[in-house]
């Protein structure tokens, strides 16, 4: 489950950080809103997997590239999609 969670987070990071040269802003916003909407029906186990995936992605990014924009995205992901571990969805 964590592998899928990482894929979702990385896809969202691509949408958020790729810029208008890659995708029109409207497309980016619709994509990110769709991801957030879908995640609102996540089970508690899926929210846990997302939380753990974010932590692993932050750790990996910190150990390698240390790109501030990627780190900021990962660190704010759960709040930005309005999910916190332990909340009922």
PDB file of N, CA and C in Angstrom:
ATOM      1  N   UNK A   1       0.812  -1.184   0.000  1.00  0.00           N
ATOM      2  CA  UNK A   1       0.000   0.000   0.000  1.00  0.00           C
ATOM      3  C   UNK A   1       0.869   1.267   0.000  1.00  0.00           C
ATOM      4  N   UNK A   2       2.018   1.185   0.676  1.00  0.00           N
ATOM      5  CA  UNK A   2       2.886   2.354   0.754  1.00  0.00           C
ATOM      6  C   UNK A   2       3.474   2.725  -0.608  1.00  0.00           C
ATOM      7  N   UNK A   3       3.703   1.728  -1.449  1.00  0.00           N
ATOM      8  CA  UNK A   3       4.221   1.999  -2.791  1.00  0.00           C
ATOM      9  C   UNK A   3       3.221   2.825  -3.589  1.00  0.00           C
ATOM     10  N   UNK A   4       1.956   2.471  -3.502  1.00  0.00           N
ATOM     11  CA  UNK A   4       0.916   3.249  -4.182  1.00  0.00           C
ATOM     12  C   UNK A   4       0.816   4.645  -3.588  1.00  0.00           C
ATOM     13  N   UNK A   5       0.936   4.752  -2.284  1.00  0.00           N
ATOM     14  CA  UNK A   5       0.891   6.059  -1.632  1.00  0.00           C
ATOM     15  C   UNK A   5       2.025   6.946  -2.139  1.00  0.00           C
ATOM     16  N   UNK A   6       3.222   6.387  -2.251  1.00  0.00           N
ATOM     17  CA  UNK A   6       4.355   7.161  -2.771  1.00  0.00           C
ATOM     18  C   UNK A   6       4.096   7.619  -4.201  1.00  0.00           C
ATOM     19  N   UNK A   7       3.522   6.740  -5.006  1.00  0.00           N
ATOM     20  CA  UNK A   7       3.232   7.092  -6.400  1.00  0.00           C
ATOM     21  C   UNK A   7       2.246   8.255  -6.473  1.00  0.00           C
ATOM     22  N   UNK A   8       1.216   8.233  -5.635  1.00  0.00           N
ATOM     23  CA  UNK A   8       0.227   9.312  -5.612  1.00  0.00           C
ATOM     24  C   UNK A   8       0.901  10.626  -5.190  1.00  0.00           C
ATOM     25  N   UNK A   9       1.716  10.570  -4.169  1.00  0.00           N
ATOM     26  CA  UNK A   9       2.392  11.774  -3.670  1.00  0.00           C
ATOM     27  C   UNK A   9       3.340  12.326  -4.727  1.00  0.00           C
ATOM     28  N   UNK A  10       4.083  11.459  -5.370  1.00  0.00           N
ATOM     29  CA  UNK A  10       5.017  11.908  -6.398  1.00  0.00           C
ATOM     30  C   UNK A  10       4.292  12.459  -7.619  1.00  0.00           C
ATOM     31  N   UNK A  11       3.158  11.875  -7.979  1.00  0.00           N
ATOM     32  CA  UNK A  11       2.361  12.416  -9.083  1.00  0.00           C
ATOM     33  C   UNK A  11       1.843  13.806  -8.726  1.00  0.00           C
ATOM     34  N   UNK A  12       1.390  13.973  -7.499  1.00  0.00           N
ATOM     35  CA  UNK A  12       0.922  15.285  -7.049  1.00  0.00           C
ATOM     36  C   UNK A  12       2.064  16.293  -7.051  1.00  0.00           C
ATOM     37  N   UNK A  13       3.250  15.869  -6.633  1.00  0.00           N
ATOM     38  CA  UNK A  13       4.415  16.758  -6.647  1.00  0.00           C
ATOM     39  C   UNK A  13       4.733  17.182  -8.078  1.00  0.00           C
ATOM     40  N   UNK A  14       4.668  16.263  -9.008  1.00  0.00           N
ATOM     41  CA  UNK A  14       4.916  16.607 -10.406  1.00  0.00           C
ATOM     42  C   UNK A  14       3.917  17.654 -10.870  1.00  0.00           C
ATOM     43  N   UNK A  15       2.639  17.427 -10.600  1.00  0.00           N
ATOM     44  CA  UNK A  15       1.619  18.389 -11.009  1.00  0.00           C
ATOM     45  C   UNK A  15       1.878  19.765 -10.402  1.00  0.00           C
ATOM     46  N   UNK A  16       2.166  19.776  -9.121  1.00  0.00           N
ATOM     47  CA  UNK A  16       2.357  21.042  -8.404  1.00  0.00           C
ATOM     48  C   UNK A  16       3.595  21.798  -8.856  1.00  0.00           C
ATOM     49  N   UNK A  17       4.681  21.077  -9.114  1.00  0.00           N
ATOM     50  CA  UNK A  17       5.975  21.723  -9.306  1.00  0.00           C
ATOM     51  C   UNK A  17       6.454  21.806 -10.746  1.00  0.00           C
ATOM     52  N   UNK A  18       5.720  21.229 -11.681  1.00  0.00           N
ATOM     53  CA  UNK A  18       6.221  21.194 -13.057  1.00  0.00           C
ATOM     54  C   UNK A  18       6.105  22.531 -13.773  1.00  0.00           C
ATOM     55  N   UNK A  19       5.206  23.382 -13.357  1.00  0.00           N
ATOM     56  CA  UNK A  19       5.096  24.703 -13.969  1.00  0.00           C
ATOM     57  C   UNK A  19       4.216  24.698 -15.200  1.00  0.00           C
ATOM     58  N   UNK A  20       3.843  25.894 -15.609  1.00  0.00           N
ATOM     59  CA  UNK A  20       2.917  26.048 -16.736  1.00  0.00           C
ATOM     60  C   UNK A  20       3.542  25.689 -18.075  1.00  0.00           C
ATOM     61  N   UNK A  21       4.860  25.541 -18.128  1.00  0.00           N
ATOM     62  CA  UNK A  21       5.493  25.098 -19.370  1.00  0.00           C
ATOM     63  C   UNK A  21       5.126  23.658 -19.679  1.00  0.00           C
ATOM     64  N   UNK A  22       4.895  22.862 -18.622  1.00  0.00           N
ATOM     65  CA  UNK A  22       4.564  21.448 -18.797  1.00  0.00           C
ATOM     66  C   UNK A  22       3.062  21.234 -18.920  1.00  0.00           C
ATOM     67  N   UNK A  23       2.298  21.901 -18.067  1.00  0.00           N
ATOM     68  CA  UNK A  23       0.844  21.733 -18.042  1.00  0.00           C
ATOM     69  C   UNK A  23       0.177  23.076 -17.791  1.00  0.00           C
ATOM     70  N   UNK A  24      -0.965  23.315 -18.442  1.00  0.00           N
ATOM     71  CA  UNK A  24      -1.704  24.542 -18.127  1.00  0.00           C
ATOM     72  C   UNK A  24      -2.137  24.541 -16.662  1.00  0.00           C
ATOM     73  N   UNK A  25      -2.185  25.708 -16.054  1.00  0.00           N
ATOM     74  CA  UNK A  25      -2.533  25.844 -14.648  1.00  0.00           C
ATOM     75  C   UNK A  25      -3.876  25.194 -14.343  1.00  0.00           C
ATOM     76  N   UNK A  26      -4.861  25.373 -15.192  1.00  0.00           N
ATOM     77  CA  UNK A  26      -6.188  24.792 -14.964  1.00  0.00           C
ATOM     78  C   UNK A  26      -6.114  23.267 -14.880  1.00  0.00           C
ATOM     79  N   UNK A  27      -5.327  22.665 -15.726  1.00  0.00           N
ATOM     80  CA  UNK A  27      -5.150  21.212 -15.715  1.00  0.00           C
ATOM     81  C   UNK A  27      -4.487  20.766 -14.420  1.00  0.00           C
ATOM     82  N   UNK A  28      -3.472  21.501 -14.003  1.00  0.00           N
ATOM     83  CA  UNK A  28      -2.778  21.187 -12.757  1.00  0.00           C
ATOM     84  C   UNK A  28      -3.728  21.254 -11.571  1.00  0.00           C
ATOM     85  N   UNK A  29      -4.498  22.331 -11.496  1.00  0.00           N
ATOM     86  CA  UNK A  29      -5.425  22.514 -10.378  1.00  0.00           C
ATOM     87  C   UNK A  29      -6.469  21.404 -10.369  1.00  0.00           C
ATOM     88  N   UNK A  30      -7.040  21.095 -11.520  1.00  0.00           N
ATOM     89  CA  UNK A  30      -8.041  20.016 -11.587  1.00  0.00           C
ATOM     90  C   UNK A  30      -7.439  18.691 -11.149  1.00  0.00           C
ATOM     91  N   UNK A  31      -6.221  18.405 -11.574  1.00  0.00           N
ATOM     92  CA  UNK A  31      -5.560  17.159 -11.191  1.00  0.00           C
ATOM     93  C   UNK A  31      -5.321  17.071  -9.694  1.00  0.00           C
ATOM     94  N   UNK A  32      -4.808  18.146  -9.108  1.00  0.00           N
ATOM     95  CA  UNK A  32      -4.541  18.155  -7.672  1.00  0.00           C
ATOM     96  C   UNK A  32      -5.830  18.091  -6.862  1.00  0.00           C
ATOM     97  N   UNK A  33      -6.851  18.787  -7.307  1.00  0.00           N
ATOM     98  CA  UNK A  33      -8.147  18.717  -6.613  1.00  0.00           C
ATOM     99  C   UNK A  33      -8.732  17.314  -6.693  1.00  0.00           C
ATOM    100  N   UNK A  34      -8.562  16.653  -7.831  1.00  0.00           N
ATOM    101  CA  UNK A  34      -9.048  15.281  -7.985  1.00  0.00           C
ATOM    102  C   UNK A  34      -8.329  14.319  -7.059  1.00  0.00           C
ATOM    103  N   UNK A  35      -7.030  14.484  -6.932  1.00  0.00           N
ATOM    104  CA  UNK A  35      -6.264  13.638  -6.016  1.00  0.00           C
ATOM    105  C   UNK A  35      -6.743  13.860  -4.589  1.00  0.00           C
ATOM    106  N   UNK A  36      -6.871  15.124  -4.185  1.00  0.00           N
ATOM    107  CA  UNK A  36      -7.317  15.426  -2.821  1.00  0.00           C
ATOM    108  C   UNK A  36      -8.713  14.870  -2.562  1.00  0.00           C
ATOM    109  N   UNK A  37      -9.599  15.027  -3.522  1.00  0.00           N
ATOM    110  CA  UNK A  37     -10.970  14.505  -3.372  1.00  0.00           C
ATOM    111  C   UNK A  37     -10.959  12.990  -3.197  1.00  0.00           C
ATOM    112  N   UNK A  38     -10.178  12.308  -3.994  1.00  0.00           N
ATOM    113  CA  UNK A  38     -10.087  10.851  -3.891  1.00  0.00           C
ATOM    114  C   UNK A  38      -9.506  10.419  -2.550  1.00  0.00           C
ATOM    115  N   UNK A  39      -8.522  11.144  -2.069  1.00  0.00           N
ATOM    116  CA  UNK A  39      -7.888  10.779  -0.810  1.00  0.00           C
ATOM    117  C   UNK A  39      -8.810  10.983   0.384  1.00  0.00           C
ATOM    118  N   UNK A  40      -9.828  11.786   0.244  1.00  0.00           N
ATOM    119  CA  UNK A  40     -10.759  12.001   1.359  1.00  0.00           C
ATOM    120  C   UNK A  40     -11.573  10.754   1.684  1.00  0.00           C
ATOM    121  N   UNK A  41     -11.584   9.791   0.784  1.00  0.00           N
ATOM    122  CA  UNK A  41     -12.281   8.539   1.083  1.00  0.00           C
ATOM    123  C   UNK A  41     -11.297   7.440   1.509  1.00  0.00           C
ATOM    124  N   UNK A  42     -10.070   7.833   1.810  1.00  0.00           N
ATOM    125  CA  UNK A  42      -9.053   6.866   2.229  1.00  0.00           C
ATOM    126  C   UNK A  42      -9.420   6.257   3.580  1.00  0.00           C
ATOM    127  N   UNK A  43      -9.127   4.981   3.713  1.00  0.00           N
ATOM    128  CA  UNK A  43      -9.332   4.288   4.991  1.00  0.00           C
ATOM    129  C   UNK A  43      -8.248   4.730   5.978  1.00  0.00           C
ATOM    130  N   UNK A  44      -8.436   4.459   7.256  1.00  0.00           N
ATOM    131  CA  UNK A  44      -7.380   4.771   8.225  1.00  0.00           C
ATOM    132  C   UNK A  44      -6.037   4.118   7.856  1.00  0.00           C
ATOM    133  N   UNK A  45      -6.081   2.894   7.364  1.00  0.00           N
ATOM    134  CA  UNK A  45      -4.835   2.215   6.965  1.00  0.00           C
ATOM    135  C   UNK A  45      -4.182   2.929   5.781  1.00  0.00           C
ATOM    136  N   UNK A  46      -4.988   3.429   4.870  1.00  0.00           N
ATOM    137  CA  UNK A  46      -4.438   4.158   3.725  1.00  0.00           C
ATOM    138  C   UNK A  46      -3.850   5.497   4.154  1.00  0.00           C
ATOM    139  N   UNK A  47      -4.495   6.161   5.111  1.00  0.00           N
ATOM    140  CA  UNK A  47      -3.952   7.421   5.624  1.00  0.00           C
ATOM    141  C   UNK A  47      -2.621   7.154   6.324  1.00  0.00           C
ATOM    142  N   UNK A  48      -2.539   6.064   7.056  1.00  0.00           N
ATOM    143  CA  UNK A  48      -1.277   5.686   7.690  1.00  0.00           C
ATOM    144  C   UNK A  48      -0.207   5.438   6.633  1.00  0.00           C
ATOM    145  N   UNK A  49      -0.564   4.741   5.568  1.00  0.00           N
ATOM    146  CA  UNK A  49       0.398   4.479   4.485  1.00  0.00           C
ATOM    147  C   UNK A  49       0.868   5.784   3.851  1.00  0.00           C
ATOM    148  N   UNK A  50      -0.045   6.722   3.653  1.00  0.00           N
ATOM    149  CA  UNK A  50       0.333   8.025   3.104  1.00  0.00           C
ATOM    150  C   UNK A  50       1.286   8.759   4.045  1.00  0.00           C
ATOM    151  N   UNK A  51       0.971   8.745   5.333  1.00  0.00           N
ATOM    152  CA  UNK A  51       1.816   9.413   6.329  1.00  0.00           C
ATOM    153  C   UNK A  51       3.215   8.809   6.337  1.00  0.00           C
ATOM    154  N   UNK A  52       3.288   7.487   6.311  1.00  0.00           N
ATOM    155  CA  UNK A  52       4.589   6.808   6.289  1.00  0.00           C
ATOM    156  C   UNK A  52       5.329   7.072   4.986  1.00  0.00           C
ATOM    157  N   UNK A  53       4.601   7.106   3.881  1.00  0.00           N
ATOM    158  CA  UNK A  53       5.228   7.373   2.582  1.00  0.00           C
ATOM    159  C   UNK A  53       5.812   8.779   2.548  1.00  0.00           C
ATOM    160  N   UNK A  54       5.074   9.744   3.083  1.00  0.00           N
ATOM    161  CA  UNK A  54       5.589  11.114   3.139  1.00  0.00           C
ATOM    162  C   UNK A  54       6.884  11.147   3.942  1.00  0.00           C
ATOM    163  N   UNK A  55       6.896  10.509   5.090  1.00  0.00           N
ATOM    164  CA  UNK A  55       8.104  10.490   5.927  1.00  0.00           C
ATOM    165  C   UNK A  55       9.282   9.874   5.179  1.00  0.00           C
ATOM    166  N   UNK A  56       9.042   8.783   4.476  1.00  0.00           N
ATOM    167  CA  UNK A  56      10.119   8.132   3.720  1.00  0.00           C
ATOM    168  C   UNK A  56      10.596   9.011   2.571  1.00  0.00           C
ATOM    169  N   UNK A  57       9.678   9.691   1.894  1.00  0.00           N
ATOM    170  CA  UNK A  57      10.067  10.575   0.797  1.00  0.00           C
ATOM    171  C   UNK A  57      10.878  11.761   1.310  1.00  0.00           C
ATOM    172  N   UNK A  58      10.471  12.314   2.449  1.00  0.00           N
ATOM    173  CA  UNK A  58      11.236  13.418   3.057  1.00  0.00           C
ATOM    174  C   UNK A  58      12.632  12.935   3.429  1.00  0.00           C
ATOM    175  N   UNK A  59      12.706  11.773   4.046  1.00  0.00           N
ATOM    176  CA  UNK A  59      14.004  11.218   4.439  1.00  0.00           C
ATOM    177  C   UNK A  59      14.898  11.001   3.224  1.00  0.00           C
ATOM    178  N   UNK A  60      14.354  10.420   2.167  1.00  0.00           N
ATOM    179  CA  UNK A  60      15.141  10.155   0.959  1.00  0.00           C
ATOM    180  C   UNK A  60      15.595  11.455   0.299  1.00  0.00           C
ATOM    181  N   UNK A  61      14.697  12.426   0.232  1.00  0.00           N
ATOM    182  CA  UNK A  61      15.049  13.715  -0.385  1.00  0.00           C
ATOM    183  C   UNK A  61      16.116  14.427   0.439  1.00  0.00           C
ATOM    184  N   UNK A  62      15.992  14.372   1.753  1.00  0.00           N
ATOM    185  CA  UNK A  62      16.967  15.012   2.642  1.00  0.00           C
ATOM    186  C   UNK A  62      18.341  14.361   2.501  1.00  0.00           C
ATOM    187  N   UNK A  63      18.365  13.054   2.287  1.00  0.00           N
ATOM    188  CA  UNK A  63      19.630  12.323   2.173  1.00  0.00           C
ATOM    189  C   UNK A  63      20.289  12.475   0.805  1.00  0.00           C
ATOM    190  N   UNK A  64      19.522  12.920  -0.176  1.00  0.00           N
ATOM    191  CA  UNK A  64      20.080  12.979  -1.534  1.00  0.00           C
ATOM    192  C   UNK A  64      20.122  14.404  -2.073  1.00  0.00           C
ATOM    193  N   UNK A  65      19.092  14.804  -2.762  1.00  0.00           N
ATOM    194  CA  UNK A  65      19.113  16.060  -3.516  1.00  0.00           C
ATOM    195  C   UNK A  65      18.915  17.311  -2.668  1.00  0.00           C
ATOM    196  N   UNK A  66      18.133  17.200  -1.605  1.00  0.00           N
ATOM    197  CA  UNK A  66      17.863  18.323  -0.701  1.00  0.00           C
ATOM    198  C   UNK A  66      17.220  19.510  -1.436  1.00  0.00           C
ATOM    199  N   UNK A  67      16.322  19.224  -2.385  1.00  0.00           N
ATOM    200  CA  UNK A  67      15.644  20.298  -3.125  1.00  0.00           C
ATOM    201  C   UNK A  67      14.576  20.916  -2.225  1.00  0.00           C
ATOM    202  N   UNK A  68      14.715  22.188  -1.896  1.00  0.00           N
ATOM    203  CA  UNK A  68      13.797  22.810  -0.948  1.00  0.00           C
ATOM    204  C   UNK A  68      12.331  22.770  -1.390  1.00  0.00           C
ATOM    205  N   UNK A  69      12.076  22.938  -2.671  1.00  0.00           N
ATOM    206  CA  UNK A  69      10.681  22.946  -3.135  1.00  0.00           C
ATOM    207  C   UNK A  69      10.042  21.563  -3.019  1.00  0.00           C
ATOM    208  N   UNK A  70      10.821  20.525  -3.246  1.00  0.00           N
ATOM    209  CA  UNK A  70      10.308  19.159  -3.102  1.00  0.00           C
ATOM    210  C   UNK A  70      10.078  18.846  -1.620  1.00  0.00           C
ATOM    211  N   UNK A  71      11.040  19.194  -0.793  1.00  0.00           N
ATOM    212  CA  UNK A  71      10.888  18.964   0.648  1.00  0.00           C
ATOM    213  C   UNK A  71       9.661  19.692   1.191  1.00  0.00           C
ATOM    214  N   UNK A  72       9.478  20.945   0.801  1.00  0.00           N
ATOM    215  CA  UNK A  72       8.327  21.716   1.272  1.00  0.00           C
ATOM    216  C   UNK A  72       7.023  21.069   0.811  1.00  0.00           C
ATOM    217  N   UNK A  73       7.002  20.578  -0.432  1.00  0.00           N
ATOM    218  CA  UNK A  73       5.795  19.926  -0.923  1.00  0.00           C
ATOM    219  C   UNK A  73       5.490  18.677  -0.101  1.00  0.00           C
ATOM    220  N   UNK A  74       6.481  17.823   0.075  1.00  0.00           N
ATOM    221  CA  UNK A  74       6.272  16.593   0.844  1.00  0.00           C
ATOM    222  C   UNK A  74       5.834  16.903   2.279  1.00  0.00           C
ATOM    223  N   UNK A  75       6.515  17.840   2.904  1.00  0.00           N
ATOM    224  CA  UNK A  75       6.220  18.151   4.304  1.00  0.00           C
ATOM    225  C   UNK A  75       4.823  18.721   4.486  1.00  0.00           C
ATOM    226  N   UNK A  76       4.297  19.402   3.486  1.00  0.00           N
ATOM    227  CA  UNK A  76       2.962  19.983   3.599  1.00  0.00           C
ATOM    228  C   UNK A  76       1.869  19.156   2.964  1.00  0.00           C
ATOM    229  N   UNK A  77       2.213  18.000   2.403  1.00  0.00           N
ATOM    230  CA  UNK A  77       1.259  17.230   1.623  1.00  0.00           C
ATOM    231  C   UNK A  77      -0.006  16.856   2.399  1.00  0.00           C
ATOM    232  N   UNK A  78       0.146  16.248   3.557  1.00  0.00           N
ATOM    233  CA  UNK A  78      -1.027  15.762   4.300  1.00  0.00           C
ATOM    234  C   UNK A  78      -1.955  16.912   4.688  1.00  0.00           C
ATOM    235  N   UNK A  79      -1.394  18.012   5.104  1.00  0.00           N
ATOM    236  CA  UNK A  79      -2.209  19.173   5.452  1.00  0.00           C
ATOM    237  C   UNK A  79      -2.874  19.761   4.203  1.00  0.00           C
ATOM    238  N   UNK A  80      -2.131  19.806   3.107  1.00  0.00           N
ATOM    239  CA  UNK A  80      -2.670  20.398   1.879  1.00  0.00           C
ATOM    240  C   UNK A  80      -3.813  19.592   1.279  1.00  0.00           C
ATOM    241  N   UNK A  81      -3.825  18.290   1.500  1.00  0.00           N
ATOM    242  CA  UNK A  81      -4.952  17.478   1.027  1.00  0.00           C
ATOM    243  C   UNK A  81      -5.974  17.278   2.140  1.00  0.00           C
ATOM    244  N   UNK A  82      -5.767  17.987   3.243  1.00  0.00           N
ATOM    245  CA  UNK A  82      -6.692  17.997   4.373  1.00  0.00           C
ATOM    246  C   UNK A  82      -6.885  16.609   4.980  1.00  0.00           C
ATOM    247  N   UNK A  83      -5.752  15.905   5.165  1.00  0.00           N
ATOM    248  CA  UNK A  83      -5.761  14.599   5.815  1.00  0.00           C
ATOM    249  C   UNK A  83      -4.742  14.595   6.937  1.00  0.00           C
ATOM    250  N   UNK A  84      -5.159  14.111   8.063  1.00  0.00           N
ATOM    251  CA  UNK A  84      -4.227  13.926   9.170  1.00  0.00           C
ATOM    252  C   UNK A  84      -4.478  12.544   9.724  1.00  0.00           C
ATOM    253  N   UNK A  85      -3.412  11.848  10.057  1.00  0.00           N
ATOM    254  CA  UNK A  85      -3.542  10.501  10.606  1.00  0.00           C
ATOM    255  C   UNK A  85      -4.384  10.546  11.883  1.00  0.00           C
ATOM    256  N   UNK A  86      -5.280   9.594  12.015  1.00  0.00           N
ATOM    257  CA  UNK A  86      -6.141   9.511  13.176  1.00  0.00           C
ATOM    258  C   UNK A  86      -7.499  10.159  12.974  1.00  0.00           C
ATOM    259  N   UNK A  87      -7.660  10.937  11.892  1.00  0.00           N
ATOM    260  CA  UNK A  87      -8.954  11.531  11.598  1.00  0.00           C
ATOM    261  C   UNK A  87      -9.824  10.542  10.869  1.00  0.00           C
ATOM    262  N   UNK A  88     -11.101  10.609  11.093  1.00  0.00           N
ATOM    263  CA  UNK A  88     -12.045   9.785  10.345  1.00  0.00           C
ATOM    264  C   UNK A  88     -12.234  10.416   8.977  1.00  0.00           C
ATOM    265  N   UNK A  89     -12.284   9.585   7.932  1.00  0.00           N
ATOM    266  CA  UNK A  89     -12.513  10.105   6.587  1.00  0.00           C
ATOM    267  C   UNK A  89     -13.899   9.757   6.117  1.00  0.00           C
TER     268      UNK A  89
END
